Amino acid sequence: MSQPHDPFQNLPDSARLWLVALDRPLSGEARARLQEGMEAILGQWRHKGHAYQGAFALVRDRILAVAEPDLASAPSGCAIDGMLRKVRHLVAGLDLGEVDAASAVLVDAGGLRAVPKAELEARLQDGSLGPDTPVLDLSLYTVGDLRAGKLEAPLARTWIGRKFKVA
C-alpha cells in the first residue's frame, strides 16, 4: 500500500501552518482558480525583502492549508497578515465564504458541517452531538501536527469537550 501524497513533503514538521475552512466544497473550475490564485499569492509572498517559501493544499475538499518553514522560527505578523488578507480576497472572489473561526467544524456522513459556537450546548443536550463526534481542529500550528493526524479528534478530546465537560 502506498503512502498518501504529502503536499508539504519538502517542508519540515516544524513549518508553520494556517487552516482556512471554506463554506462548501469547490467545483472543478473553482478548484483550478483557487490553485492558480494560491500559486500567484505564494509565488509573490515577500515582506521587507524576504521571500517566503509557502506551499498550500486543499484538505478534505474544504480546508485550505497554507504552510511556510521560516515563519515558525522567525514570525512576522505583517507577512502573515498580508498573506491571509490575499487568501481571503481570493476566496471571496471565487464566491466562497470562510467558516467562522468561532464555529466547530464537524465530520459527518455528509462531509464537513459547521456548527456555530452558540449552538453547541443545545446540540450536546439534544444528543445530536456526543463525545465521539469527529471535530476538526483548525488551530493546528505546524505541518507536523497535520502529518500526525491531529486534524480530527473526538469531540470529548477537544476544546468543546473541555468547555462543556463532555466525557
Protein backbone atom coordinates (compact mmCIF):
# COMPACT_ATOMS: atom_id res chain seq x y z
CA MET A 1 0.00 0.00 0.00
CA SER A 2 1.47 3.34 -0.98
CA GLN A 3 1.68 6.33 1.31
CA PRO A 4 -0.79 9.15 0.61
CA HIS A 5 0.76 12.15 -1.13
CA ASP A 6 2.11 14.72 1.33
CA PRO A 7 1.54 18.16 -0.22
CA PHE A 8 4.13 19.57 2.16
CA GLN A 9 6.76 16.87 1.59
CA ASN A 10 9.51 19.44 1.08
CA LEU A 11 8.73 21.22 4.36
CA PRO A 12 9.92 20.21 7.83
CA ASP A 13 7.46 19.15 10.52
CA SER A 14 8.15 22.48 12.24
CA ALA A 15 6.80 24.53 9.29
CA ARG A 16 4.09 26.96 10.40
CA LEU A 17 0.56 26.05 9.31
CA TRP A 18 -2.65 28.02 8.74
CA LEU A 19 -6.01 26.36 8.06
CA VAL A 20 -8.94 28.15 6.45
CA ALA A 21 -12.26 26.27 6.34
CA LEU A 22 -14.36 27.03 3.28
CA ASP A 23 -18.15 27.06 3.46
CA ARG A 24 -18.55 24.39 0.77
CA PRO A 25 -16.54 22.05 -1.44
CA LEU A 26 -15.07 23.51 -4.63
CA SER A 27 -16.22 22.73 -8.15
CA GLY A 28 -13.61 21.78 -10.73
CA GLU A 29 -13.44 25.32 -12.11
CA ALA A 30 -13.29 26.94 -8.66
CA ARG A 31 -10.61 24.45 -7.62
CA ALA A 32 -8.49 25.35 -10.68
CA ARG A 33 -8.96 29.08 -9.99
CA LEU A 34 -8.05 28.58 -6.33
CA GLN A 35 -4.90 26.71 -7.30
CA GLU A 36 -3.90 29.40 -9.80
CA GLY A 37 -4.58 32.17 -7.29
CA MET A 38 -2.72 30.44 -4.46
CA GLU A 39 0.29 29.80 -6.67
CA ALA A 40 0.35 33.51 -7.52
CA ILE A 41 -0.06 34.62 -3.89
CA LEU A 42 2.64 32.32 -2.55
CA GLY A 43 4.94 32.93 -5.51
CA GLN A 44 4.93 36.64 -4.70
CA TRP A 45 4.93 36.34 -0.89
CA ARG A 46 7.57 38.76 0.31
CA HIS A 47 7.98 41.12 3.20
CA LYS A 48 10.86 43.51 3.87
CA GLY A 49 12.97 41.85 1.21
CA HIS A 50 12.45 38.31 2.47
CA ALA A 51 10.87 35.84 0.03
CA TYR A 52 8.78 33.20 1.80
CA GLN A 53 8.63 29.59 0.63
CA GLY A 54 4.96 28.87 1.15
CA ALA A 55 3.06 25.82 -0.01
CA PHE A 56 -0.63 25.02 0.03
CA ALA A 57 -3.05 22.13 -0.21
CA LEU A 58 -6.78 21.58 -0.17
CA VAL A 59 -7.56 19.10 2.61
CA ARG A 60 -10.89 17.26 2.61
CA ASP A 61 -12.04 19.43 -0.30
CA ARG A 62 -12.88 22.33 2.05
CA ILE A 63 -9.86 23.11 4.22
CA LEU A 64 -7.25 25.35 2.62
CA ALA A 65 -3.92 24.59 4.30
CA VAL A 66 -1.01 27.01 3.88
CA ALA A 67 2.44 26.26 5.28
CA GLU A 68 5.77 28.08 5.41
CA PRO A 69 9.00 26.98 7.16
CA ASP A 70 10.63 30.29 8.14
CA LEU A 71 7.65 31.77 9.96
CA ALA A 72 7.77 29.08 12.66
CA SER A 73 11.12 30.35 13.97
CA ALA A 74 11.08 33.97 12.80
CA PRO A 75 7.44 35.06 12.76
CA SER A 76 6.37 38.24 11.02
CA GLY A 77 2.85 39.33 11.82
CA CYS A 78 2.83 41.69 8.85
CA ALA A 79 3.90 38.94 6.43
CA ILE A 80 1.27 36.57 7.81
CA ASP A 81 -1.50 39.20 7.80
CA GLY A 82 -0.65 40.19 4.25
CA MET A 83 -0.80 36.60 3.01
CA LEU A 84 -4.06 35.85 4.82
CA ARG A 85 -5.64 39.06 3.52
CA LYS A 86 -4.81 37.99 -0.06
CA VAL A 87 -6.13 34.47 0.57
CA ARG A 88 -9.41 35.87 1.92
CA HIS A 89 -9.70 38.16 -1.09
CA LEU A 90 -9.12 35.19 -3.42
CA VAL A 91 -11.71 33.07 -1.59
CA ALA A 92 -14.30 35.85 -1.74
CA GLY A 93 -13.58 36.34 -5.46
CA LEU A 94 -14.44 32.68 -6.01
CA ASP A 95 -17.81 33.34 -4.38
CA LEU A 96 -16.84 31.17 -1.43
CA GLY A 97 -17.06 32.02 2.20
CA GLU A 98 -14.94 31.13 5.19
CA VAL A 99 -16.39 29.20 8.07
CA ASP A 100 -16.49 31.49 11.09
CA ALA A 101 -13.48 30.74 13.26
CA ALA A 102 -15.79 30.54 16.29
CA SER A 103 -17.70 27.63 14.73
CA ALA A 104 -16.92 23.99 15.26
CA VAL A 105 -16.30 22.01 12.08
CA LEU A 106 -17.72 18.53 12.45
CA VAL A 107 -17.29 15.47 10.28
CA ASP A 108 -20.45 13.52 9.49
CA ALA A 109 -21.82 11.24 6.78
CA GLY A 110 -22.48 14.26 4.54
CA GLY A 111 -18.92 15.57 4.83
CA LEU A 112 -18.00 18.62 6.86
CA ARG A 113 -20.56 20.68 8.73
CA ALA A 114 -20.01 23.94 10.61
CA VAL A 115 -21.90 24.43 13.86
CA PRO A 116 -21.88 27.93 15.37
CA LYS A 117 -20.40 28.07 18.86
CA ALA A 118 -23.70 29.44 20.21
CA GLU A 119 -25.49 26.21 19.15
CA LEU A 120 -23.05 23.70 20.62
CA GLU A 121 -24.58 23.41 24.09
CA ALA A 122 -28.09 22.84 22.69
CA ARG A 123 -26.77 20.21 20.25
CA LEU A 124 -24.99 18.42 23.09
CA GLN A 125 -28.15 18.48 25.22
CA ASP A 126 -30.43 17.17 22.44
CA GLY A 127 -27.96 14.37 21.65
CA SER A 128 -27.20 15.40 18.06
CA LEU A 129 -23.58 15.81 19.19
CA GLY A 130 -21.78 13.42 21.50
CA PRO A 131 -18.36 12.59 22.88
CA ASP A 132 -17.35 10.59 19.79
CA THR A 133 -18.50 13.16 17.21
CA PRO A 134 -15.45 13.87 14.99
CA VAL A 135 -14.33 17.53 15.15
CA LEU A 136 -11.65 19.26 13.09
CA ASP A 137 -9.02 21.31 14.93
CA LEU A 138 -8.40 24.33 12.71
CA SER A 139 -5.90 25.74 15.22
CA LEU A 140 -3.13 23.28 14.35
CA TYR A 141 0.16 25.15 14.41
CA THR A 142 2.58 23.01 12.43
CA VAL A 143 2.77 20.73 9.41
CA GLY A 144 3.95 18.02 11.80
CA ASP A 145 0.61 18.23 13.65
CA LEU A 146 -1.22 17.76 10.35
CA ARG A 147 1.01 14.83 9.38
CA ALA A 148 0.47 13.24 12.80
CA GLY A 149 -3.28 13.11 12.16
CA LYS A 150 -4.20 15.75 14.71
CA LEU A 151 -6.66 17.49 12.38
CA GLU A 152 -9.54 15.30 13.53
CA ALA A 153 -10.36 14.28 17.10
CA PRO A 154 -13.41 13.05 19.02
CA LEU A 155 -15.41 15.95 20.46
CA ALA A 156 -14.63 14.87 24.04
CA ARG A 157 -10.90 15.47 23.42
CA THR A 158 -11.34 18.99 22.01
CA TRP A 159 -11.97 22.42 23.47
CA ILE A 160 -15.70 21.67 23.15
CA GLY A 161 -15.36 18.65 25.42
CA ARG A 162 -13.38 20.68 27.95
CA LYS A 163 -15.76 23.65 27.89
CA PHE A 164 -18.94 21.59 28.20
CA LYS A 165 -17.43 18.84 30.37
CA VAL A 166 -18.14 16.05 27.89
CA ALA A 167 -16.50 12.79 28.96
